Amino acid sequence: MWPIVFTLLAIVALGISINKIIKAKKTSNTDPQSRVTAMCFFLISGVNLVGYWFDLLGVFTMVLTVALLITGAYFIRYTQTDHKENQSNKERNHAEL
């Protein structure tokens, strides 16, 4: 029973996070490369869930997981950060010290 509960919990959390990422990306004008990292991490969770339920855990699942991790790590440089906000936070923290 516990594997079913954990799987349902993972699917619900995955659905909520995908919905949140899609809404955030629609409001910002970013290139498709910035979405690759999030897609890779979502695919990792899907691959491992499918591998668990169909007894496919093994070398194939591990190789696919590592390949998706490397791809996500490579494309993380295309994600945009708000440098002005980070700069103001650093100045604020420095002023508090």
C-alpha atoms as a PDB file:
ATOM      1  CA  MET A   1       0.000   0.000   0.000  1.00  0.00           C
ATOM      2  CA  TRP A   2       2.829   2.429   0.813  1.00  0.00           C
ATOM      3  CA  PRO A   3       4.350   2.320  -2.680  1.00  0.00           C
ATOM      4  CA  ILE A   4       0.981   3.329  -4.126  1.00  0.00           C
ATOM      5  CA  VAL A   5       0.666   6.226  -1.674  1.00  0.00           C
ATOM      6  CA  PHE A   6       4.182   7.445  -2.394  1.00  0.00           C
ATOM      7  CA  THR A   7       3.642   7.154  -6.141  1.00  0.00           C
ATOM      8  CA  LEU A   8       0.410   9.127  -5.988  1.00  0.00           C
ATOM      9  CA  LEU A   9       2.110  11.742  -3.827  1.00  0.00           C
ATOM     10  CA  ALA A  10       4.980  11.996  -6.325  1.00  0.00           C
ATOM     11  CA  ILE A  11       2.578  12.321  -9.264  1.00  0.00           C
ATOM     12  CA  VAL A  12       0.580  15.062  -7.519  1.00  0.00           C
ATOM     13  CA  ALA A  13       3.752  16.964  -6.569  1.00  0.00           C
ATOM     14  CA  LEU A  14       5.077  16.556 -10.098  1.00  0.00           C
ATOM     15  CA  GLY A  15       1.833  17.865 -11.584  1.00  0.00           C
ATOM     16  CA  ILE A  16       1.792  20.887  -9.283  1.00  0.00           C
ATOM     17  CA  SER A  17       5.411  21.748 -10.016  1.00  0.00           C
ATOM     18  CA  ILE A  18       4.960  21.349 -13.785  1.00  0.00           C
ATOM     19  CA  ASN A  19       1.923  23.625 -13.647  1.00  0.00           C
ATOM     20  CA  LYS A  20       3.855  26.228 -11.661  1.00  0.00           C
ATOM     21  CA  ILE A  21       6.839  26.112 -14.051  1.00  0.00           C
ATOM     22  CA  ILE A  22       4.581  26.468 -17.104  1.00  0.00           C
ATOM     23  CA  LYS A  23       2.821  29.492 -15.615  1.00  0.00           C
ATOM     24  CA  ALA A  24       6.133  31.114 -14.675  1.00  0.00           C
ATOM     25  CA  LYS A  25       7.616  30.539 -18.127  1.00  0.00           C
ATOM     26  CA  LYS A  26       4.531  31.931 -19.896  1.00  0.00           C
ATOM     27  CA  THR A  27       4.898  35.270 -18.125  1.00  0.00           C
ATOM     28  CA  SER A  28       8.579  35.647 -18.963  1.00  0.00           C
ATOM     29  CA  ASN A  29       9.983  35.886 -22.454  1.00  0.00           C
ATOM     30  CA  THR A  30      12.763  33.335 -22.288  1.00  0.00           C
ATOM     31  CA  ASP A  31      14.258  31.112 -24.915  1.00  0.00           C
ATOM     32  CA  PRO A  32      13.385  27.400 -25.022  1.00  0.00           C
ATOM     33  CA  GLN A  33      16.874  26.442 -23.845  1.00  0.00           C
ATOM     34  CA  SER A  34      16.080  27.761 -20.373  1.00  0.00           C
ATOM     35  CA  ARG A  35      13.298  25.185 -20.069  1.00  0.00           C
ATOM     36  CA  VAL A  36      15.501  22.161 -20.759  1.00  0.00           C
ATOM     37  CA  THR A  37      16.783  21.859 -17.171  1.00  0.00           C
ATOM     38  CA  ALA A  38      13.285  21.699 -15.706  1.00  0.00           C
ATOM     39  CA  MET A  39      12.175  19.210 -18.362  1.00  0.00           C
ATOM     40  CA  CYS A  40      15.173  16.985 -17.630  1.00  0.00           C
ATOM     41  CA  PHE A  41      14.404  16.873 -13.925  1.00  0.00           C
ATOM     42  CA  PHE A  42      10.737  16.097 -14.601  1.00  0.00           C
ATOM     43  CA  LEU A  43      11.770  13.331 -16.996  1.00  0.00           C
ATOM     44  CA  ILE A  44      14.092  11.877 -14.349  1.00  0.00           C
ATOM     45  CA  SER A  45      11.209  11.500 -11.935  1.00  0.00           C
ATOM     46  CA  GLY A  46       9.014   9.994 -14.643  1.00  0.00           C
ATOM     47  CA  VAL A  47      11.683   7.530 -15.764  1.00  0.00           C
ATOM     48  CA  ASN A  48      12.294   6.360 -12.214  1.00  0.00           C
ATOM     49  CA  LEU A  49       8.572   5.984 -11.468  1.00  0.00           C
ATOM     50  CA  VAL A  50       8.036   3.950 -14.638  1.00  0.00           C
ATOM     51  CA  GLY A  51      11.139   1.904 -13.893  1.00  0.00           C
ATOM     52  CA  TYR A  52       9.920   1.166 -10.384  1.00  0.00           C
ATOM     53  CA  TRP A  53       6.423   0.108 -11.369  1.00  0.00           C
ATOM     54  CA  PHE A  54       7.441  -2.038 -14.338  1.00  0.00           C
ATOM     55  CA  ASP A  55      10.524  -3.568 -12.681  1.00  0.00           C
ATOM     56  CA  LEU A  56      12.866  -1.877 -15.124  1.00  0.00           C
ATOM     57  CA  LEU A  57      15.291  -0.538 -12.540  1.00  0.00           C
ATOM     58  CA  GLY A  58      18.790  -1.309 -13.642  1.00  0.00           C
ATOM     59  CA  VAL A  59      21.517  -0.159 -15.940  1.00  0.00           C
ATOM     60  CA  PHE A  60      19.168   1.350 -18.539  1.00  0.00           C
ATOM     61  CA  THR A  61      17.353   3.484 -15.974  1.00  0.00           C
ATOM     62  CA  MET A  62      20.593   4.596 -14.345  1.00  0.00           C
ATOM     63  CA  VAL A  63      22.200   5.511 -17.671  1.00  0.00           C
ATOM     64  CA  LEU A  64      19.125   7.481 -18.698  1.00  0.00           C
ATOM     65  CA  THR A  65      19.011   9.246 -15.308  1.00  0.00           C
ATOM     66  CA  VAL A  66      22.700  10.216 -15.491  1.00  0.00           C
ATOM     67  CA  ALA A  67      22.302  11.390 -19.100  1.00  0.00           C
ATOM     68  CA  LEU A  68      19.340  13.574 -18.109  1.00  0.00           C
ATOM     69  CA  LEU A  69      21.267  14.952 -15.129  1.00  0.00           C
ATOM     70  CA  ILE A  70      24.217  15.872 -17.330  1.00  0.00           C
ATOM     71  CA  THR A  71      21.906  17.460 -19.902  1.00  0.00           C
ATOM     72  CA  GLY A  72      20.109  19.442 -17.204  1.00  0.00           C
ATOM     73  CA  ALA A  73      23.402  20.579 -15.706  1.00  0.00           C
ATOM     74  CA  TYR A  74      24.662  21.688 -19.116  1.00  0.00           C
ATOM     75  CA  PHE A  75      21.575  23.767 -19.899  1.00  0.00           C
ATOM     76  CA  ILE A  76      21.347  25.373 -16.455  1.00  0.00           C
ATOM     77  CA  ARG A  77      23.601  28.150 -17.707  1.00  0.00           C
ATOM     78  CA  TYR A  78      20.749  29.360 -19.923  1.00  0.00           C
ATOM     79  CA  THR A  79      18.419  30.023 -16.987  1.00  0.00           C
ATOM     80  CA  GLN A  80      17.987  33.675 -16.255  1.00  0.00           C
ATOM     81  CA  THR A  81      18.465  35.233 -12.850  1.00  0.00           C
ATOM     82  CA  ASP A  82      17.606  38.703 -11.696  1.00  0.00           C
ATOM     83  CA  HIS A  83      21.029  40.212 -11.083  1.00  0.00           C
ATOM     84  CA  LYS A  84      19.618  43.500  -9.817  1.00  0.00           C
ATOM     85  CA  GLU A  85      17.660  41.725  -7.096  1.00  0.00           C
ATOM     86  CA  ASN A  86      20.707  39.686  -6.108  1.00  0.00           C
ATOM     87  CA  GLN A  87      22.848  42.827  -6.037  1.00  0.00           C
ATOM     88  CA  SER A  88      20.370  44.679  -3.808  1.00  0.00           C
ATOM     89  CA  ASN A  89      20.172  41.679  -1.446  1.00  0.00           C
ATOM     90  CA  LYS A  90      23.972  41.632  -1.161  1.00  0.00           C
ATOM     91  CA  GLU A  91      24.043  45.355  -0.425  1.00  0.00           C
ATOM     92  CA  ARG A  92      21.282  44.980   2.152  1.00  0.00           C
ATOM     93  CA  ASN A  93      23.074  42.083   3.874  1.00  0.00           C
ATOM     94  CA  HIS A  94      26.350  44.017   3.853  1.00  0.00           C
ATOM     95  CA  ALA A  95      24.660  47.060   5.384  1.00  0.00           C
ATOM     96  CA  GLU A  96      23.176  44.925   8.197  1.00  0.00           C
ATOM     97  CA  LEU A  97      26.622  43.683   9.180  1.00  0.00           C
END
